[in-house]
Amino acid sequence: MSQQKPRSINIELPADLDPTYANFAVISHTPSEVIIDLAQMLPNQPKVRVRSRVVMTPLNAKLMLRALEDNLSKFESAFGEIAVPGQGDDLIRSFFGGKLPPETE
């Protein structure tokens, strides 16, 4: 059995591309797609604004998950463990001054 050599991919980053800052994500799926809405959540603001939507196949989503896990593992090896302050509603409450925004209560 022969091993395939990894192919080189030329990635173009347009000079006028505006970066999107996201600190909140909503992930949903259909049988053929995974949809990731990237959003900005601001403290004491009742609305979360979606800034970008990424749609991909489940296979590509799984490959992205593996790439993120690998990258975060390398990051934590270099800089220490990333502490997660809470889970679910607790994490959302931390952005809204200890309570959930009205539409989620």
N, C-alpha and C. Protein backbone atom coordinates (compact mmCIF):
# COMPACT_ATOMS: atom_id res chain seq x y z
N MET A 1 0.84 -1.17 0.00
CA MET A 1 0.00 0.00 0.00
C MET A 1 0.89 1.24 0.00
N SER A 2 0.60 2.18 -0.90
CA SER A 2 1.42 3.38 -0.98
C SER A 2 0.77 4.51 -0.19
N GLN A 3 1.61 5.36 0.37
CA GLN A 3 1.11 6.51 1.11
C GLN A 3 1.04 7.71 0.18
N GLN A 4 -0.06 8.44 0.28
CA GLN A 4 -0.20 9.63 -0.54
C GLN A 4 0.48 10.81 0.15
N LYS A 5 1.15 11.60 -0.63
CA LYS A 5 1.80 12.80 -0.14
C LYS A 5 0.76 13.89 0.07
N PRO A 6 0.80 14.60 1.20
CA PRO A 6 -0.17 15.69 1.37
C PRO A 6 0.03 16.73 0.27
N ARG A 7 -1.08 17.17 -0.32
CA ARG A 7 -0.95 18.16 -1.38
C ARG A 7 -0.94 19.57 -0.80
N SER A 8 -0.28 20.43 -1.48
CA SER A 8 -0.17 21.82 -1.05
C SER A 8 -1.41 22.58 -1.53
N ILE A 9 -1.95 23.40 -0.65
CA ILE A 9 -3.12 24.20 -1.00
C ILE A 9 -2.73 25.67 -0.91
N ASN A 10 -2.99 26.39 -1.97
CA ASN A 10 -2.70 27.81 -2.02
C ASN A 10 -3.94 28.57 -1.54
N ILE A 11 -3.87 29.21 -0.39
CA ILE A 11 -5.00 29.93 0.18
C ILE A 11 -4.83 31.42 -0.08
N GLU A 12 -5.86 32.01 -0.70
CA GLU A 12 -5.83 33.44 -0.98
C GLU A 12 -6.61 34.19 0.08
N LEU A 13 -5.99 35.16 0.70
CA LEU A 13 -6.64 36.01 1.70
C LEU A 13 -6.76 37.41 1.10
N PRO A 14 -7.96 37.80 0.65
CA PRO A 14 -8.12 39.11 0.02
C PRO A 14 -7.70 40.24 0.96
N ALA A 15 -7.03 41.23 0.42
CA ALA A 15 -6.54 42.36 1.21
C ALA A 15 -7.68 43.15 1.84
N ASP A 16 -8.85 43.17 1.19
CA ASP A 16 -9.97 43.97 1.70
C ASP A 16 -10.95 43.16 2.56
N LEU A 17 -10.56 41.95 2.96
CA LEU A 17 -11.43 41.11 3.78
C LEU A 17 -11.51 41.67 5.19
N ASP A 18 -12.73 41.95 5.65
CA ASP A 18 -12.94 42.45 7.00
C ASP A 18 -13.08 41.26 7.95
N PRO A 19 -12.30 41.22 9.03
CA PRO A 19 -12.46 40.12 9.99
C PRO A 19 -13.77 40.26 10.75
N THR A 20 -14.30 39.14 11.16
CA THR A 20 -15.51 39.11 11.96
C THR A 20 -15.16 38.61 13.35
N TYR A 21 -15.45 39.40 14.37
CA TYR A 21 -15.24 38.98 15.75
C TYR A 21 -16.52 38.29 16.23
N ALA A 22 -16.38 37.09 16.77
CA ALA A 22 -17.52 36.37 17.30
C ALA A 22 -17.17 35.81 18.67
N ASN A 23 -18.09 35.99 19.62
CA ASN A 23 -17.92 35.40 20.95
C ASN A 23 -19.12 34.54 21.33
N PHE A 24 -19.92 34.21 20.31
CA PHE A 24 -21.13 33.41 20.52
C PHE A 24 -21.42 32.68 19.22
N ALA A 25 -21.84 31.43 19.32
CA ALA A 25 -22.18 30.67 18.12
C ALA A 25 -23.45 29.87 18.36
N VAL A 26 -24.26 29.78 17.33
CA VAL A 26 -25.45 28.93 17.34
C VAL A 26 -25.22 27.89 16.24
N ILE A 27 -25.28 26.62 16.62
CA ILE A 27 -25.00 25.56 15.66
C ILE A 27 -26.25 24.72 15.49
N SER A 28 -26.65 24.51 14.23
CA SER A 28 -27.80 23.67 13.92
C SER A 28 -27.43 22.79 12.73
N HIS A 29 -28.33 21.88 12.38
CA HIS A 29 -28.03 20.98 11.27
C HIS A 29 -29.28 20.47 10.59
N THR A 30 -29.09 20.02 9.36
CA THR A 30 -30.08 19.28 8.60
C THR A 30 -29.41 17.94 8.29
N PRO A 31 -30.09 17.01 7.63
CA PRO A 31 -29.42 15.75 7.30
C PRO A 31 -28.17 15.92 6.42
N SER A 32 -28.10 17.03 5.67
CA SER A 32 -26.97 17.18 4.74
C SER A 32 -26.07 18.37 5.02
N GLU A 33 -26.40 19.19 6.03
CA GLU A 33 -25.60 20.39 6.29
C GLU A 33 -25.48 20.68 7.77
N VAL A 34 -24.38 21.33 8.13
CA VAL A 34 -24.20 21.88 9.47
C VAL A 34 -24.13 23.40 9.28
N ILE A 35 -24.92 24.12 10.06
CA ILE A 35 -24.99 25.57 9.94
C ILE A 35 -24.44 26.18 11.23
N ILE A 36 -23.47 27.07 11.08
CA ILE A 36 -22.87 27.74 12.22
C ILE A 36 -23.10 29.24 12.06
N ASP A 37 -23.89 29.81 12.96
CA ASP A 37 -24.10 31.26 12.98
C ASP A 37 -23.15 31.84 14.01
N LEU A 38 -22.25 32.70 13.56
CA LEU A 38 -21.28 33.35 14.44
C LEU A 38 -21.81 34.73 14.80
N ALA A 39 -21.80 35.03 16.10
CA ALA A 39 -22.46 36.25 16.57
C ALA A 39 -21.61 36.99 17.59
N GLN A 40 -22.03 38.22 17.86
CA GLN A 40 -21.42 39.03 18.90
C GLN A 40 -22.43 39.22 20.02
N MET A 41 -22.04 38.85 21.22
CA MET A 41 -22.86 39.07 22.41
C MET A 41 -22.17 40.14 23.24
N LEU A 42 -22.88 41.22 23.50
CA LEU A 42 -22.30 42.30 24.29
C LEU A 42 -22.93 42.32 25.67
N PRO A 43 -22.14 42.62 26.70
CA PRO A 43 -22.68 42.67 28.06
C PRO A 43 -23.83 43.67 28.17
N ASN A 44 -24.86 43.28 28.93
CA ASN A 44 -26.03 44.12 29.21
C ASN A 44 -26.82 44.53 27.97
N GLN A 45 -26.66 43.78 26.88
CA GLN A 45 -27.45 44.00 25.68
C GLN A 45 -28.37 42.81 25.49
N PRO A 46 -29.67 43.03 25.29
CA PRO A 46 -30.61 41.91 25.23
C PRO A 46 -30.58 41.11 23.94
N LYS A 47 -29.94 41.62 22.90
CA LYS A 47 -29.91 40.91 21.63
C LYS A 47 -28.50 40.48 21.26
N VAL A 48 -28.44 39.33 20.61
CA VAL A 48 -27.18 38.83 20.07
C VAL A 48 -27.26 39.00 18.57
N ARG A 49 -26.26 39.65 17.96
CA ARG A 49 -26.30 39.93 16.53
C ARG A 49 -25.44 38.94 15.77
N VAL A 50 -26.08 38.20 14.85
CA VAL A 50 -25.34 37.27 14.00
C VAL A 50 -24.55 38.08 12.98
N ARG A 51 -23.26 37.79 12.88
CA ARG A 51 -22.37 38.51 11.97
C ARG A 51 -22.01 37.70 10.73
N SER A 52 -22.07 36.37 10.86
CA SER A 52 -21.67 35.54 9.73
C SER A 52 -22.33 34.17 9.85
N ARG A 53 -22.68 33.57 8.73
CA ARG A 53 -23.25 32.22 8.71
C ARG A 53 -22.34 31.35 7.86
N VAL A 54 -21.94 30.20 8.42
CA VAL A 54 -21.11 29.24 7.71
C VAL A 54 -21.93 27.96 7.54
N VAL A 55 -22.04 27.49 6.31
CA VAL A 55 -22.77 26.26 6.01
C VAL A 55 -21.77 25.27 5.43
N MET A 56 -21.75 24.05 5.97
CA MET A 56 -20.81 23.03 5.48
C MET A 56 -21.43 21.65 5.59
N THR A 57 -20.78 20.70 4.95
CA THR A 57 -21.25 19.32 5.04
C THR A 57 -20.89 18.77 6.42
N PRO A 58 -21.61 17.73 6.89
CA PRO A 58 -21.24 17.11 8.16
C PRO A 58 -19.80 16.61 8.17
N LEU A 59 -19.32 16.07 7.04
CA LEU A 59 -17.93 15.61 6.98
C LEU A 59 -16.97 16.77 7.20
N ASN A 60 -17.19 17.90 6.52
CA ASN A 60 -16.31 19.05 6.71
C ASN A 60 -16.41 19.62 8.12
N ALA A 61 -17.60 19.56 8.72
CA ALA A 61 -17.76 20.02 10.10
C ALA A 61 -16.93 19.14 11.04
N LYS A 62 -16.94 17.83 10.81
CA LYS A 62 -16.16 16.93 11.66
C LYS A 62 -14.66 17.16 11.48
N LEU A 63 -14.24 17.40 10.24
CA LEU A 63 -12.83 17.71 9.99
C LEU A 63 -12.44 19.04 10.65
N MET A 64 -13.35 20.02 10.61
CA MET A 64 -13.08 21.30 11.27
C MET A 64 -12.99 21.11 12.78
N LEU A 65 -13.89 20.28 13.36
CA LEU A 65 -13.84 19.99 14.79
C LEU A 65 -12.48 19.39 15.17
N ARG A 66 -12.01 18.44 14.39
CA ARG A 66 -10.70 17.84 14.67
C ARG A 66 -9.58 18.86 14.57
N ALA A 67 -9.65 19.74 13.57
CA ALA A 67 -8.63 20.78 13.40
C ALA A 67 -8.66 21.76 14.57
N LEU A 68 -9.87 22.13 15.04
CA LEU A 68 -9.99 23.02 16.20
C LEU A 68 -9.44 22.36 17.46
N GLU A 69 -9.79 21.07 17.67
CA GLU A 69 -9.28 20.35 18.84
C GLU A 69 -7.75 20.29 18.82
N ASP A 70 -7.19 20.01 17.65
CA ASP A 70 -5.73 19.94 17.52
C ASP A 70 -5.10 21.31 17.80
N ASN A 71 -5.70 22.36 17.23
CA ASN A 71 -5.15 23.70 17.41
C ASN A 71 -5.25 24.15 18.86
N LEU A 72 -6.41 23.90 19.51
CA LEU A 72 -6.57 24.30 20.91
C LEU A 72 -5.65 23.50 21.83
N SER A 73 -5.41 22.24 21.50
CA SER A 73 -4.48 21.43 22.28
C SER A 73 -3.07 22.03 22.21
N LYS A 74 -2.67 22.44 21.03
CA LYS A 74 -1.35 23.08 20.86
C LYS A 74 -1.30 24.41 21.59
N PHE A 75 -2.39 25.18 21.53
CA PHE A 75 -2.47 26.46 22.23
C PHE A 75 -2.30 26.25 23.74
N GLU A 76 -3.05 25.26 24.30
CA GLU A 76 -2.98 25.00 25.73
C GLU A 76 -1.62 24.46 26.15
N SER A 77 -0.97 23.73 25.27
CA SER A 77 0.39 23.26 25.58
C SER A 77 1.35 24.43 25.71
N ALA A 78 1.14 25.45 24.89
CA ALA A 78 2.03 26.60 24.90
C ALA A 78 1.66 27.62 25.98
N PHE A 79 0.35 27.81 26.24
CA PHE A 79 -0.09 28.92 27.09
C PHE A 79 -0.87 28.50 28.33
N GLY A 80 -1.15 27.23 28.51
CA GLY A 80 -1.91 26.77 29.66
C GLY A 80 -3.36 26.50 29.31
N GLU A 81 -4.02 25.80 30.22
CA GLU A 81 -5.41 25.39 29.98
C GLU A 81 -6.34 26.59 29.91
N ILE A 82 -7.29 26.52 28.99
CA ILE A 82 -8.31 27.55 28.85
C ILE A 82 -9.43 27.22 29.83
N ALA A 83 -9.69 28.12 30.76
CA ALA A 83 -10.73 27.90 31.76
C ALA A 83 -12.08 28.33 31.19
N VAL A 84 -13.07 27.47 31.31
CA VAL A 84 -14.43 27.78 30.87
C VAL A 84 -15.24 28.13 32.11
N PRO A 85 -15.81 29.36 32.17
CA PRO A 85 -16.44 29.83 33.40
C PRO A 85 -17.73 29.12 33.79
N GLY A 86 -18.44 28.55 32.86
CA GLY A 86 -19.71 27.91 33.18
C GLY A 86 -20.24 27.14 31.99
N GLN A 87 -21.40 26.58 32.15
CA GLN A 87 -22.02 25.82 31.08
C GLN A 87 -23.40 26.38 30.80
N GLY A 88 -23.84 26.32 29.58
CA GLY A 88 -25.21 26.65 29.20
C GLY A 88 -25.66 28.00 29.70
N ASP A 89 -26.78 28.02 30.45
CA ASP A 89 -27.36 29.27 30.95
C ASP A 89 -26.41 30.04 31.85
N ASP A 90 -25.57 29.33 32.61
CA ASP A 90 -24.61 30.02 33.49
C ASP A 90 -23.66 30.88 32.68
N LEU A 91 -23.21 30.37 31.54
CA LEU A 91 -22.30 31.12 30.69
C LEU A 91 -23.01 32.34 30.10
N ILE A 92 -24.26 32.16 29.65
CA ILE A 92 -25.03 33.27 29.10
C ILE A 92 -25.29 34.32 30.17
N ARG A 93 -25.63 33.87 31.39
CA ARG A 93 -25.89 34.82 32.49
C ARG A 93 -24.67 35.69 32.77
N SER A 94 -23.47 35.13 32.61
CA SER A 94 -22.26 35.91 32.89
C SER A 94 -22.15 37.12 31.97
N PHE A 95 -22.76 37.05 30.78
CA PHE A 95 -22.75 38.19 29.86
C PHE A 95 -23.86 39.18 30.15
N PHE A 96 -24.91 38.75 30.85
CA PHE A 96 -26.09 39.58 31.07
C PHE A 96 -26.27 39.97 32.53
N GLY A 97 -25.20 40.13 33.25
CA GLY A 97 -25.28 40.62 34.61
C GLY A 97 -26.01 39.69 35.57
N GLY A 98 -25.88 38.38 35.38
CA GLY A 98 -26.44 37.41 36.31
C GLY A 98 -27.83 36.92 35.98
N LYS A 99 -28.44 37.41 34.90
CA LYS A 99 -29.76 36.91 34.53
C LYS A 99 -29.82 36.66 33.03
N LEU A 100 -30.77 35.85 32.62
CA LEU A 100 -30.95 35.56 31.21
C LEU A 100 -31.66 36.71 30.52
N PRO A 101 -31.37 36.93 29.23
CA PRO A 101 -32.12 37.94 28.51
C PRO A 101 -33.60 37.54 28.44
N PRO A 102 -34.54 38.49 28.32
CA PRO A 102 -35.97 38.18 28.40
C PRO A 102 -36.45 37.08 27.47
N GLU A 103 -35.96 37.01 26.25
CA GLU A 103 -36.48 36.01 25.31
C GLU A 103 -36.03 34.59 25.62
N THR A 104 -35.09 34.38 26.54
CA THR A 104 -34.64 33.03 26.87
C THR A 104 -35.17 32.54 28.21
N GLU A 105 -35.80 33.40 29.00
CA GLU A 105 -36.29 32.99 30.33
C GLU A 105 -37.60 32.25 30.24
